[in-house]
PDB file of N, CA and C in Angstrom:
ATOM      1  N   UNK A   1       0.853  -1.169   0.000  1.00  0.00           N
ATOM      2  CA  UNK A   1       0.000   0.000   0.000  1.00  0.00           C
ATOM      3  C   UNK A   1       0.898   1.231   0.000  1.00  0.00           C
ATOM      4  N   UNK A   2       0.676   2.095  -0.984  1.00  0.00           N
ATOM      5  CA  UNK A   2       1.509   3.277  -1.112  1.00  0.00           C
ATOM      6  C   UNK A   2       1.111   4.380  -0.151  1.00  0.00           C
ATOM      7  N   UNK A   3       1.952   5.387  -0.091  1.00  0.00           N
ATOM      8  CA  UNK A   3       1.708   6.524   0.789  1.00  0.00           C
ATOM      9  C   UNK A   3       0.421   7.253   0.407  1.00  0.00           C
ATOM     10  N   UNK A   4       0.154   7.359  -0.903  1.00  0.00           N
ATOM     11  CA  UNK A   4      -1.074   8.014  -1.352  1.00  0.00           C
ATOM     12  C   UNK A   4      -2.317   7.295  -0.857  1.00  0.00           C
ATOM     13  N   UNK A   5      -2.276   5.959  -0.894  1.00  0.00           N
ATOM     14  CA  UNK A   5      -3.417   5.182  -0.407  1.00  0.00           C
ATOM     15  C   UNK A   5      -3.605   5.350   1.093  1.00  0.00           C
ATOM     16  N   UNK A   6      -2.507   5.399   1.832  1.00  0.00           N
ATOM     17  CA  UNK A   6      -2.596   5.600   3.281  1.00  0.00           C
ATOM     18  C   UNK A   6      -3.186   6.972   3.615  1.00  0.00           C
ATOM     19  N   UNK A   7      -2.750   7.995   2.879  1.00  0.00           N
ATOM     20  CA  UNK A   7      -3.290   9.333   3.100  1.00  0.00           C
ATOM     21  C   UNK A   7      -4.784   9.365   2.790  1.00  0.00           C
ATOM     22  N   UNK A   8      -5.172   8.696   1.717  1.00  0.00           N
ATOM     23  CA  UNK A   8      -6.574   8.671   1.344  1.00  0.00           C
ATOM     24  C   UNK A   8      -7.399   7.936   2.395  1.00  0.00           C
ATOM     25  N   UNK A   9      -6.882   6.837   2.905  1.00  0.00           N
ATOM     26  CA  UNK A   9      -7.560   6.084   3.956  1.00  0.00           C
ATOM     27  C   UNK A   9      -7.712   6.946   5.218  1.00  0.00           C
ATOM     28  N   UNK A  10      -6.677   7.711   5.544  1.00  0.00           N
ATOM     29  CA  UNK A  10      -6.741   8.620   6.683  1.00  0.00           C
ATOM     30  C   UNK A  10      -7.845   9.666   6.471  1.00  0.00           C
ATOM     31  N   UNK A  11      -7.937  10.205   5.256  1.00  0.00           N
ATOM     32  CA  UNK A  11      -8.953  11.218   4.966  1.00  0.00           C
ATOM     33  C   UNK A  11     -10.365  10.644   5.066  1.00  0.00           C
ATOM     34  N   UNK A  12     -10.552   9.411   4.611  1.00  0.00           N
ATOM     35  CA  UNK A  12     -11.862   8.757   4.716  1.00  0.00           C
ATOM     36  C   UNK A  12     -12.226   8.568   6.181  1.00  0.00           C
ATOM     37  N   UNK A  13     -11.261   8.124   6.988  1.00  0.00           N
ATOM     38  CA  UNK A  13     -11.512   7.945   8.420  1.00  0.00           C
ATOM     39  C   UNK A  13     -11.824   9.285   9.070  1.00  0.00           C
ATOM     40  N   UNK A  14     -11.126  10.333   8.663  1.00  0.00           N
ATOM     41  CA  UNK A  14     -11.353  11.662   9.219  1.00  0.00           C
ATOM     42  C   UNK A  14     -12.760  12.155   8.862  1.00  0.00           C
ATOM     43  N   UNK A  15     -13.201  11.901   7.636  1.00  0.00           N
ATOM     44  CA  UNK A  15     -14.546  12.286   7.226  1.00  0.00           C
ATOM     45  C   UNK A  15     -15.595  11.527   8.040  1.00  0.00           C
ATOM     46  N   UNK A  16     -15.362  10.239   8.243  1.00  0.00           N
ATOM     47  CA  UNK A  16     -16.297   9.441   9.024  1.00  0.00           C
ATOM     48  C   UNK A  16     -16.385   9.938  10.464  1.00  0.00           C
ATOM     49  N   UNK A  17     -15.249  10.226  11.078  1.00  0.00           N
ATOM     50  CA  UNK A  17     -15.282  10.694  12.466  1.00  0.00           C
ATOM     51  C   UNK A  17     -15.931  12.079  12.560  1.00  0.00           C
ATOM     52  N   UNK A  18     -15.734  12.909  11.541  1.00  0.00           N
ATOM     53  CA  UNK A  18     -16.390  14.219  11.522  1.00  0.00           C
ATOM     54  C   UNK A  18     -17.905  14.040  11.422  1.00  0.00           C
ATOM     55  N   UNK A  19     -18.347  13.115  10.579  1.00  0.00           N
ATOM     56  CA  UNK A  19     -19.768  12.824  10.454  1.00  0.00           C
ATOM     57  C   UNK A  19     -20.333  12.289  11.765  1.00  0.00           C
ATOM     58  N   UNK A  20     -19.598  11.407  12.430  1.00  0.00           N
ATOM     59  CA  UNK A  20     -20.049  10.845  13.704  1.00  0.00           C
ATOM     60  C   UNK A  20     -20.193  11.937  14.767  1.00  0.00           C
ATOM     61  N   UNK A  21     -19.316  12.950  14.733  1.00  0.00           N
ATOM     62  CA  UNK A  21     -19.455  14.073  15.660  1.00  0.00           C
ATOM     63  C   UNK A  21     -20.803  14.744  15.475  1.00  0.00           C
ATOM     64  N   UNK A  22     -21.214  14.889  14.216  1.00  0.00           N
ATOM     65  CA  UNK A  22     -22.508  15.492  13.935  1.00  0.00           C
ATOM     66  C   UNK A  22     -23.666  14.613  14.366  1.00  0.00           C
ATOM     67  N   UNK A  23     -23.519  13.302  14.199  1.00  0.00           N
ATOM     68  CA  UNK A  23     -24.577  12.383  14.631  1.00  0.00           C
ATOM     69  C   UNK A  23     -24.709  12.420  16.155  1.00  0.00           C
ATOM     70  N   UNK A  24     -23.595  12.462  16.843  1.00  0.00           N
ATOM     71  CA  UNK A  24     -23.616  12.500  18.304  1.00  0.00           C
ATOM     72  C   UNK A  24     -24.128  13.831  18.850  1.00  0.00           C
ATOM     73  N   UNK A  25     -23.933  14.899  18.090  1.00  0.00           N
ATOM     74  CA  UNK A  25     -24.385  16.221  18.497  1.00  0.00           C
ATOM     75  C   UNK A  25     -25.143  16.850  17.321  1.00  0.00           C
ATOM     76  N   UNK A  26     -26.448  16.559  17.159  1.00  0.00           N
ATOM     77  CA  UNK A  26     -27.212  17.006  15.988  1.00  0.00           C
ATOM     78  C   UNK A  26     -27.255  18.510  15.773  1.00  0.00           C
ATOM     79  N   UNK A  27     -26.981  19.297  16.800  1.00  0.00           N
ATOM     80  CA  UNK A  27     -26.987  20.751  16.603  1.00  0.00           C
ATOM     81  C   UNK A  27     -25.850  21.183  15.670  1.00  0.00           C
ATOM     82  N   UNK A  28     -24.804  20.369  15.556  1.00  0.00           N
ATOM     83  CA  UNK A  28     -23.711  20.702  14.640  1.00  0.00           C
ATOM     84  C   UNK A  28     -24.169  20.713  13.188  1.00  0.00           C
ATOM     85  N   UNK A  29     -25.173  19.874  12.864  1.00  0.00           N
ATOM     86  CA  UNK A  29     -25.661  19.818  11.483  1.00  0.00           C
ATOM     87  C   UNK A  29     -26.237  21.150  11.019  1.00  0.00           C
ATOM     88  N   UNK A  30     -26.571  22.014  11.954  1.00  0.00           N
ATOM     89  CA  UNK A  30     -27.168  23.306  11.615  1.00  0.00           C
ATOM     90  C   UNK A  30     -26.140  24.410  11.447  1.00  0.00           C
ATOM     91  N   UNK A  31     -24.870  24.108  11.712  1.00  0.00           N
ATOM     92  CA  UNK A  31     -23.852  25.154  11.635  1.00  0.00           C
ATOM     93  C   UNK A  31     -23.145  25.142  10.291  1.00  0.00           C
ATOM     94  N   UNK A  32     -22.835  26.322   9.823  1.00  0.00           N
ATOM     95  CA  UNK A  32     -22.141  26.480   8.547  1.00  0.00           C
ATOM     96  C   UNK A  32     -20.713  25.929   8.633  1.00  0.00           C
ATOM     97  N   UNK A  33     -20.061  26.132   9.758  1.00  0.00           N
ATOM     98  CA  UNK A  33     -18.676  25.690   9.925  1.00  0.00           C
ATOM     99  C   UNK A  33     -18.557  24.173   9.818  1.00  0.00           C
ATOM    100  N   UNK A  34     -19.542  23.453  10.389  1.00  0.00           N
ATOM    101  CA  UNK A  34     -19.527  21.994  10.320  1.00  0.00           C
ATOM    102  C   UNK A  34     -19.536  21.531   8.864  1.00  0.00           C
ATOM    103  N   UNK A  35     -20.438  22.106   8.068  1.00  0.00           N
ATOM    104  CA  UNK A  35     -20.575  21.672   6.679  1.00  0.00           C
ATOM    105  C   UNK A  35     -19.392  22.107   5.818  1.00  0.00           C
ATOM    106  N   UNK A  36     -18.828  23.273   6.096  1.00  0.00           N
ATOM    107  CA  UNK A  36     -17.636  23.696   5.356  1.00  0.00           C
ATOM    108  C   UNK A  36     -16.487  22.723   5.595  1.00  0.00           C
ATOM    109  N   UNK A  37     -16.294  22.334   6.845  1.00  0.00           N
ATOM    110  CA  UNK A  37     -15.244  21.371   7.174  1.00  0.00           C
ATOM    111  C   UNK A  37     -15.543  20.008   6.560  1.00  0.00           C
ATOM    112  N   UNK A  38     -16.811  19.599   6.600  1.00  0.00           N
ATOM    113  CA  UNK A  38     -17.215  18.309   6.032  1.00  0.00           C
ATOM    114  C   UNK A  38     -16.879  18.242   4.546  1.00  0.00           C
ATOM    115  N   UNK A  39     -17.260  19.279   3.785  1.00  0.00           N
ATOM    116  CA  UNK A  39     -17.000  19.268   2.343  1.00  0.00           C
ATOM    117  C   UNK A  39     -15.521  19.464   2.025  1.00  0.00           C
ATOM    118  N   UNK A  40     -14.819  20.182   2.881  1.00  0.00           N
ATOM    119  CA  UNK A  40     -13.369  20.331   2.691  1.00  0.00           C
ATOM    120  C   UNK A  40     -12.676  18.977   2.820  1.00  0.00           C
ATOM    121  N   UNK A  41     -13.071  18.210   3.824  1.00  0.00           N
ATOM    122  CA  UNK A  41     -12.492  16.870   4.013  1.00  0.00           C
ATOM    123  C   UNK A  41     -12.913  15.962   2.867  1.00  0.00           C
ATOM    124  N   UNK A  42     -14.197  16.000   2.506  1.00  0.00           N
ATOM    125  CA  UNK A  42     -14.705  15.118   1.444  1.00  0.00           C
ATOM    126  C   UNK A  42     -13.994  15.398   0.123  1.00  0.00           C
ATOM    127  N   UNK A  43     -13.743  16.672  -0.192  1.00  0.00           N
ATOM    128  CA  UNK A  43     -13.121  17.011  -1.468  1.00  0.00           C
ATOM    129  C   UNK A  43     -11.674  16.533  -1.536  1.00  0.00           C
ATOM    130  N   UNK A  44     -11.038  16.322  -0.393  1.00  0.00           N
ATOM    131  CA  UNK A  44      -9.647  15.873  -0.396  1.00  0.00           C
ATOM    132  C   UNK A  44      -9.518  14.376  -0.674  1.00  0.00           C
ATOM    133  N   UNK A  45     -10.625  13.653  -0.655  1.00  0.00           N
ATOM    134  CA  UNK A  45     -10.593  12.208  -0.882  1.00  0.00           C
ATOM    135  C   UNK A  45     -10.512  11.931  -2.379  1.00  0.00           C
ATOM    136  N   UNK A  46      -9.596  11.076  -2.780  1.00  0.00           N
ATOM    137  CA  UNK A  46      -9.334  10.802  -4.187  1.00  0.00           C
ATOM    138  C   UNK A  46     -10.566  10.289  -4.917  1.00  0.00           C
ATOM    139  N   UNK A  47     -11.332   9.394  -4.290  1.00  0.00           N
ATOM    140  CA  UNK A  47     -12.502   8.826  -4.949  1.00  0.00           C
ATOM    141  C   UNK A  47     -13.542   9.887  -5.282  1.00  0.00           C
ATOM    142  N   UNK A  48     -13.685  10.886  -4.414  1.00  0.00           N
ATOM    143  CA  UNK A  48     -14.637  11.962  -4.673  1.00  0.00           C
ATOM    144  C   UNK A  48     -14.194  12.749  -5.907  1.00  0.00           C
ATOM    145  N   UNK A  49     -12.901  13.008  -6.016  1.00  0.00           N
ATOM    146  CA  UNK A  49     -12.391  13.711  -7.192  1.00  0.00           C
ATOM    147  C   UNK A  49     -12.606  12.882  -8.453  1.00  0.00           C
ATOM    148  N   UNK A  50     -12.438  11.568  -8.348  1.00  0.00           N
ATOM    149  CA  UNK A  50     -12.656  10.704  -9.506  1.00  0.00           C
ATOM    150  C   UNK A  50     -14.122  10.702  -9.915  1.00  0.00           C
ATOM    151  N   UNK A  51     -15.017  10.681  -8.941  1.00  0.00           N
ATOM    152  CA  UNK A  51     -16.450  10.715  -9.251  1.00  0.00           C
ATOM    153  C   UNK A  51     -16.806  12.036  -9.929  1.00  0.00           C
ATOM    154  N   UNK A  52     -16.269  13.128  -9.428  1.00  0.00           N
ATOM    155  CA  UNK A  52     -16.553  14.424 -10.044  1.00  0.00           C
ATOM    156  C   UNK A  52     -15.990  14.476 -11.462  1.00  0.00           C
ATOM    157  N   UNK A  53     -14.850  13.846 -11.695  1.00  0.00           N
ATOM    158  CA  UNK A  53     -14.308  13.775 -13.049  1.00  0.00           C
ATOM    159  C   UNK A  53     -15.187  12.935 -13.950  1.00  0.00           C
ATOM    160  N   UNK A  54     -15.747  11.848 -13.410  1.00  0.00           N
ATOM    161  CA  UNK A  54     -16.624  11.001 -14.191  1.00  0.00           C
ATOM    162  C   UNK A  54     -17.905  11.735 -14.569  1.00  0.00           C
ATOM    163  N   UNK A  55     -18.381  12.608 -13.689  1.00  0.00           N
ATOM    164  CA  UNK A  55     -19.604  13.355 -13.956  1.00  0.00           C
ATOM    165  C   UNK A  55     -19.427  14.455 -14.987  1.00  0.00           C
ATOM    166  N   UNK A  56     -18.203  14.668 -15.456  1.00  0.00           N
ATOM    167  CA  UNK A  56     -17.886  15.800 -16.321  1.00  0.00           C
ATOM    168  C   UNK A  56     -18.868  15.964 -17.487  1.00  0.00           C
ATOM    169  N   UNK A  57     -19.239  14.906 -18.156  1.00  0.00           N
ATOM    170  CA  UNK A  57     -20.116  15.057 -19.308  1.00  0.00           C
ATOM    171  C   UNK A  57     -21.573  14.777 -19.023  1.00  0.00           C
ATOM    172  N   UNK A  58     -21.916  14.505 -17.769  1.00  0.00           N
ATOM    173  CA  UNK A  58     -23.272  14.048 -17.461  1.00  0.00           C
ATOM    174  C   UNK A  58     -24.069  14.961 -16.543  1.00  0.00           C
ATOM    175  N   UNK A  59     -23.483  16.068 -16.106  1.00  0.00           N
ATOM    176  CA  UNK A  59     -24.174  16.911 -15.134  1.00  0.00           C
ATOM    177  C   UNK A  59     -25.485  17.466 -15.677  1.00  0.00           C
ATOM    178  N   UNK A  60     -25.517  17.882 -16.926  1.00  0.00           N
ATOM    179  CA  UNK A  60     -26.743  18.424 -17.512  1.00  0.00           C
ATOM    180  C   UNK A  60     -27.836  17.366 -17.556  1.00  0.00           C
ATOM    181  N   UNK A  61     -27.455  16.140 -17.921  1.00  0.00           N
ATOM    182  CA  UNK A  61     -28.440  15.053 -17.981  1.00  0.00           C
ATOM    183  C   UNK A  61     -28.961  14.701 -16.589  1.00  0.00           C
ATOM    184  N   UNK A  62     -28.083  14.741 -15.596  1.00  0.00           N
ATOM    185  CA  UNK A  62     -28.503  14.452 -14.232  1.00  0.00           C
ATOM    186  C   UNK A  62     -29.485  15.513 -13.746  1.00  0.00           C
ATOM    187  N   UNK A  63     -29.203  16.762 -14.043  1.00  0.00           N
ATOM    188  CA  UNK A  63     -30.110  17.836 -13.641  1.00  0.00           C
ATOM    189  C   UNK A  63     -31.452  17.694 -14.358  1.00  0.00           C
ATOM    190  N   UNK A  64     -31.431  17.313 -15.630  1.00  0.00           N
ATOM    191  CA  UNK A  64     -32.685  17.105 -16.362  1.00  0.00           C
ATOM    192  C   UNK A  64     -33.492  15.960 -15.745  1.00  0.00           C
ATOM    193  N   UNK A  65     -32.821  14.883 -15.371  1.00  0.00           N
ATOM    194  CA  UNK A  65     -33.517  13.752 -14.744  1.00  0.00           C
ATOM    195  C   UNK A  65     -34.082  14.148 -13.383  1.00  0.00           C
ATOM    196  N   UNK A  66     -33.315  14.914 -12.604  1.00  0.00           N
ATOM    197  CA  UNK A  66     -33.811  15.381 -11.307  1.00  0.00           C
ATOM    198  C   UNK A  66     -35.015  16.307 -11.477  1.00  0.00           C
ATOM    199  N   UNK A  67     -34.997  17.135 -12.507  1.00  0.00           N
ATOM    200  CA  UNK A  67     -36.126  18.015 -12.782  1.00  0.00           C
ATOM    201  C   UNK A  67     -37.364  17.200 -13.135  1.00  0.00           C
ATOM    202  N   UNK A  68     -37.184  16.163 -13.943  1.00  0.00           N
ATOM    203  CA  UNK A  68     -38.312  15.297 -14.299  1.00  0.00           C
ATOM    204  C   UNK A  68     -38.855  14.582 -13.062  1.00  0.00           C
ATOM    205  N   UNK A  69     -37.975  14.084 -12.204  1.00  0.00           N
ATOM    206  CA  UNK A  69     -38.409  13.406 -10.980  1.00  0.00           C
ATOM    207  C   UNK A  69     -39.125  14.383 -10.044  1.00  0.00           C
ATOM    208  N   UNK A  70     -38.619  15.596  -9.959  1.00  0.00           N
ATOM    209  CA  UNK A  70     -39.249  16.618  -9.129  1.00  0.00           C
ATOM    210  C   UNK A  70     -40.654  16.936  -9.640  1.00  0.00           C
ATOM    211  N   UNK A  71     -40.798  17.075 -10.947  1.00  0.00           N
ATOM    212  CA  UNK A  71     -42.102  17.361 -11.536  1.00  0.00           C
ATOM    213  C   UNK A  71     -43.078  16.209 -11.294  1.00  0.00           C
ATOM    214  N   UNK A  72     -42.596  14.986 -11.419  1.00  0.00           N
ATOM    215  CA  UNK A  72     -43.433  13.829 -11.153  1.00  0.00           C
ATOM    216  C   UNK A  72     -43.886  13.804  -9.688  1.00  0.00           C
ATOM    217  N   UNK A  73     -42.958  14.042  -8.775  1.00  0.00           N
ATOM    218  CA  UNK A  73     -43.300  14.053  -7.352  1.00  0.00           C
ATOM    219  C   UNK A  73     -44.322  15.155  -7.043  1.00  0.00           C
ATOM    220  N   UNK A  74     -44.173  16.301  -7.696  1.00  0.00           N
ATOM    221  CA  UNK A  74     -45.120  17.394  -7.479  1.00  0.00           C
ATOM    222  C   UNK A  74     -46.492  17.053  -8.049  1.00  0.00           C
ATOM    223  N   UNK A  75     -46.514  16.466  -9.233  1.00  0.00           N
ATOM    224  CA  UNK A  75     -47.803  16.145  -9.846  1.00  0.00           C
ATOM    225  C   UNK A  75     -48.534  15.029  -9.087  1.00  0.00           C
ATOM    226  N   UNK A  76     -47.787  14.168  -8.397  1.00  0.00           N
ATOM    227  CA  UNK A  76     -48.414  13.127  -7.593  1.00  0.00           C
ATOM    228  C   UNK A  76     -48.788  13.607  -6.193  1.00  0.00           C
ATOM    229  N   UNK A  77     -48.424  14.836  -5.860  1.00  0.00           N
ATOM    230  CA  UNK A  77     -48.823  15.420  -4.593  1.00  0.00           C
ATOM    231  C   UNK A  77     -47.861  15.204  -3.442  1.00  0.00           C
ATOM    232  N   UNK A  78     -46.659  14.714  -3.715  1.00  0.00           N
ATOM    233  CA  UNK A  78     -45.691  14.486  -2.643  1.00  0.00           C
ATOM    234  C   UNK A  78     -44.981  15.764  -2.210  1.00  0.00           C
ATOM    235  N   UNK A  79     -44.963  16.759  -3.079  1.00  0.00           N
ATOM    236  CA  UNK A  79     -44.245  18.009  -2.799  1.00  0.00           C
ATOM    237  C   UNK A  79     -45.225  19.162  -2.957  1.00  0.00           C
ATOM    238  N   UNK A  80     -45.221  20.088  -2.000  1.00  0.00           N
ATOM    239  CA  UNK A  80     -46.129  21.241  -2.110  1.00  0.00           C
ATOM    240  C   UNK A  80     -45.578  22.248  -3.128  1.00  0.00           C
ATOM    241  N   UNK A  81     -46.393  23.225  -3.469  1.00  0.00           N
ATOM    242  CA  UNK A  81     -46.065  24.187  -4.526  1.00  0.00           C
ATOM    243  C   UNK A  81     -44.823  25.023  -4.199  1.00  0.00           C
ATOM    244  N   UNK A  82     -44.722  25.499  -2.962  1.00  0.00           N
ATOM    245  CA  UNK A  82     -43.591  26.354  -2.590  1.00  0.00           C
ATOM    246  C   UNK A  82     -42.274  25.584  -2.672  1.00  0.00           C
ATOM    247  N   UNK A  83     -42.264  24.363  -2.182  1.00  0.00           N
ATOM    248  CA  UNK A  83     -41.048  23.543  -2.248  1.00  0.00           C
ATOM    249  C   UNK A  83     -40.704  23.238  -3.698  1.00  0.00           C
ATOM    250  N   UNK A  84     -41.728  22.930  -4.480  1.00  0.00           N
ATOM    251  CA  UNK A  84     -41.523  22.626  -5.904  1.00  0.00           C
ATOM    252  C   UNK A  84     -40.884  23.811  -6.623  1.00  0.00           C
ATOM    253  N   UNK A  85     -41.422  24.995  -6.409  1.00  0.00           N
ATOM    254  CA  UNK A  85     -40.894  26.185  -7.085  1.00  0.00           C
ATOM    255  C   UNK A  85     -39.450  26.479  -6.663  1.00  0.00           C
ATOM    256  N   UNK A  86     -39.161  26.308  -5.382  1.00  0.00           N
ATOM    257  CA  UNK A  86     -37.805  26.560  -4.886  1.00  0.00           C
ATOM    258  C   UNK A  86     -36.810  25.581  -5.492  1.00  0.00           C
ATOM    259  N   UNK A  87     -37.148  24.280  -5.446  1.00  0.00           N
ATOM    260  CA  UNK A  87     -36.241  23.273  -5.995  1.00  0.00           C
ATOM    261  C   UNK A  87     -36.099  23.404  -7.510  1.00  0.00           C
ATOM    262  N   UNK A  88     -37.188  23.757  -8.184  1.00  0.00           N
ATOM    263  CA  UNK A  88     -37.137  23.946  -9.628  1.00  0.00           C
ATOM    264  C   UNK A  88     -36.220  25.120  -9.999  1.00  0.00           C
ATOM    265  N   UNK A  89     -36.272  26.183  -9.200  1.00  0.00           N
ATOM    266  CA  UNK A  89     -35.384  27.328  -9.445  1.00  0.00           C
ATOM    267  C   UNK A  89     -33.923  26.928  -9.250  1.00  0.00           C
ATOM    268  N   UNK A  90     -33.642  26.144  -8.209  1.00  0.00           N
ATOM    269  CA  UNK A  90     -32.263  25.702  -7.976  1.00  0.00           C
ATOM    270  C   UNK A  90     -31.779  24.795  -9.110  1.00  0.00           C
ATOM    271  N   UNK A  91     -32.625  23.876  -9.536  1.00  0.00           N
ATOM    272  CA  UNK A  91     -32.234  22.991 -10.638  1.00  0.00           C
ATOM    273  C   UNK A  91     -32.076  23.775 -11.940  1.00  0.00           C
ATOM    274  N   UNK A  92     -32.930  24.770 -12.146  1.00  0.00           N
ATOM    275  CA  UNK A  92     -32.807  25.607 -13.341  1.00  0.00           C
ATOM    276  C   UNK A  92     -31.487  26.366 -13.351  1.00  0.00           C
ATOM    277  N   UNK A  93     -31.101  26.908 -12.202  1.00  0.00           N
ATOM    278  CA  UNK A  93     -29.814  27.611 -12.100  1.00  0.00           C
ATOM    279  C   UNK A  93     -28.657  26.646 -12.338  1.00  0.00           C
ATOM    280  N   UNK A  94     -28.770  25.430 -11.793  1.00  0.00           N
ATOM    281  CA  UNK A  94     -27.726  24.427 -12.043  1.00  0.00           C
ATOM    282  C   UNK A  94     -27.638  24.052 -13.502  1.00  0.00           C
ATOM    283  N   UNK A  95     -28.791  23.915 -14.146  1.00  0.00           N
ATOM    284  CA  UNK A  95     -28.806  23.593 -15.579  1.00  0.00           C
ATOM    285  C   UNK A  95     -28.169  24.691 -16.413  1.00  0.00           C
ATOM    286  N   UNK A  96     -28.483  25.940 -16.091  1.00  0.00           N
ATOM    287  CA  UNK A  96     -27.875  27.058 -16.824  1.00  0.00           C
ATOM    288  C   UNK A  96     -26.362  27.107 -16.623  1.00  0.00           C
ATOM    289  N   UNK A  97     -25.914  26.819 -15.415  1.00  0.00           N
ATOM    290  CA  UNK A  97     -24.469  26.858 -15.164  1.00  0.00           C
ATOM    291  C   UNK A  97     -23.747  25.739 -15.913  1.00  0.00           C
ATOM    292  N   UNK A  98     -24.372  24.568 -16.043  1.00  0.00           N
ATOM    293  CA  UNK A  98     -23.717  23.493 -16.794  1.00  0.00           C
ATOM    294  C   UNK A  98     -23.656  23.827 -18.279  1.00  0.00           C
ATOM    295  N   UNK A  99     -24.702  24.460 -18.803  1.00  0.00           N
ATOM    296  CA  UNK A  99     -24.693  24.859 -20.218  1.00  0.00           C
ATOM    297  C   UNK A  99     -23.640  25.944 -20.447  1.00  0.00           C
ATOM    298  N   UNK A 100     -23.547  26.897 -19.532  1.00  0.00           N
ATOM    299  CA  UNK A 100     -22.545  27.960 -19.662  1.00  0.00           C
ATOM    300  C   UNK A 100     -21.129  27.387 -19.625  1.00  0.00           C
ATOM    301  N   UNK A 101     -20.899  26.412 -18.746  1.00  0.00           N
ATOM    302  CA  UNK A 101     -19.574  25.786 -18.666  1.00  0.00           C
ATOM    303  C   UNK A 101     -19.255  25.032 -19.950  1.00  0.00           C
ATOM    304  N   UNK A 102     -20.237  24.362 -20.518  1.00  0.00           N
ATOM    305  CA  UNK A 102     -20.022  23.631 -21.773  1.00  0.00           C
ATOM    306  C   UNK A 102     -19.697  24.594 -22.909  1.00  0.00           C
ATOM    307  N   UNK A 103     -20.399  25.714 -22.981  1.00  0.00           N
ATOM    308  CA  UNK A 103     -20.121  26.707 -24.016  1.00  0.00           C
ATOM    309  C   UNK A 103     -18.700  27.236 -23.865  1.00  0.00           C
ATOM    310  N   UNK A 104     -18.269  27.485 -22.634  1.00  0.00           N
ATOM    311  CA  UNK A 104     -16.900  27.965 -22.397  1.00  0.00           C
ATOM    312  C   UNK A 104     -15.876  26.920 -22.836  1.00  0.00           C
ATOM    313  N   UNK A 105     -16.138  25.621 -22.554  1.00  0.00           N
ATOM    314  CA  UNK A 105     -15.212  24.564 -22.985  1.00  0.00           C
ATOM    315  C   UNK A 105     -15.164  24.460 -24.501  1.00  0.00           C
ATOM    316  N   UNK A 106     -16.307  24.610 -25.156  1.00  0.00           N
ATOM    317  CA  UNK A 106     -16.331  24.570 -26.625  1.00  0.00           C
ATOM    318  C   UNK A 106     -15.523  25.726 -27.190  1.00  0.00           C
ATOM    319  N   UNK A 107     -15.669  26.909 -26.598  1.00  0.00           N
ATOM    320  CA  UNK A 107     -14.916  28.076 -27.074  1.00  0.00           C
ATOM    321  C   UNK A 107     -13.413  27.856 -26.930  1.00  0.00           C
ATOM    322  N   UNK A 108     -12.989  27.270 -25.818  1.00  0.00           N
ATOM    323  CA  UNK A 108     -11.568  26.983 -25.618  1.00  0.00           C
ATOM    324  C   UNK A 108     -11.088  25.972 -26.667  1.00  0.00           C
ATOM    325  N   UNK A 109     -11.895  24.952 -26.932  1.00  0.00           N
ATOM    326  CA  UNK A 109     -11.536  23.962 -27.947  1.00  0.00           C
ATOM    327  C   UNK A 109     -11.403  24.595 -29.327  1.00  0.00           C
ATOM    328  N   UNK A 110     -12.331  25.484 -29.678  1.00  0.00           N
ATOM    329  CA  UNK A 110     -12.271  26.154 -30.972  1.00  0.00           C
ATOM    330  C   UNK A 110     -11.042  27.046 -31.052  1.00  0.00           C
ATOM    331  N   UNK A 111     -10.792  27.798 -30.001  1.00  0.00           N
ATOM    332  CA  UNK A 111      -9.617  28.688 -29.993  1.00  0.00           C
ATOM    333  C   UNK A 111      -8.335  27.871 -30.097  1.00  0.00           C
ATOM    334  N   UNK A 112      -8.279  26.709 -29.461  1.00  0.00           N
ATOM    335  CA  UNK A 112      -7.094  25.860 -29.517  1.00  0.00           C
ATOM    336  C   UNK A 112      -6.883  25.344 -30.949  1.00  0.00           C
ATOM    337  N   UNK A 113      -7.944  24.889 -31.568  1.00  0.00           N
ATOM    338  CA  UNK A 113      -7.833  24.364 -32.937  1.00  0.00           C
ATOM    339  C   UNK A 113      -7.467  25.437 -33.938  1.00  0.00           C
ATOM    340  N   UNK A 114      -7.910  26.666 -33.720  1.00  0.00           N
ATOM    341  CA  UNK A 114      -7.592  27.750 -34.623  1.00  0.00           C
ATOM    342  C   UNK A 114      -6.281  28.451 -34.278  1.00  0.00           C
ATOM    343  N   UNK A 115      -5.639  28.025 -33.211  1.00  0.00           N
ATOM    344  CA  UNK A 115      -4.360  28.599 -32.826  1.00  0.00           C
ATOM    345  C   UNK A 115      -4.459  29.962 -32.173  1.00  0.00           C
ATOM    346  N   UNK A 116      -5.585  30.274 -31.575  1.00  0.00           N
ATOM    347  CA  UNK A 116      -5.777  31.577 -30.939  1.00  0.00           C
ATOM    348  C   UNK A 116      -5.462  31.552 -29.448  1.00  0.00           C
ATOM    349  N   UNK A 117      -4.975  30.442 -28.937  1.00  0.00           N
ATOM    350  CA  UNK A 117      -4.673  30.340 -27.506  1.00  0.00           C
ATOM    351  C   UNK A 117      -3.362  31.038 -27.221  1.00  0.00           C
ATOM    352  N   UNK A 118      -3.349  31.818 -26.146  1.00  0.00           N
ATOM    353  CA  UNK A 118      -2.135  32.575 -25.790  1.00  0.00           C
ATOM    354  C   UNK A 118      -1.242  31.760 -24.920  1.00  0.00           C
TER     355      UNK A 118
END
């Protein structure tokens, strides 16, 4: 087992113990500092970075599927109107950001092929 694997194992254990602190003291789940530390630890784990890399071409499709599931849940009466509108706005903003990122990547690709990259 290499040093990188040991560090990653340590980070996973650290994330688990941080989560257990929140389970043992539920008021921590309401604090911003707890969640900032949680995501900071989670982002340092290699597998999380690999998953985010794998999602590179699928984020728009995932948001579209979540929007469809949200609409279905709302039409079946599981979600009230206010919650539906709030979640739909968040998913819409996420969808726009993924499209904007894709357009920026396409522009970089075009500039690279045309030799306009500095």
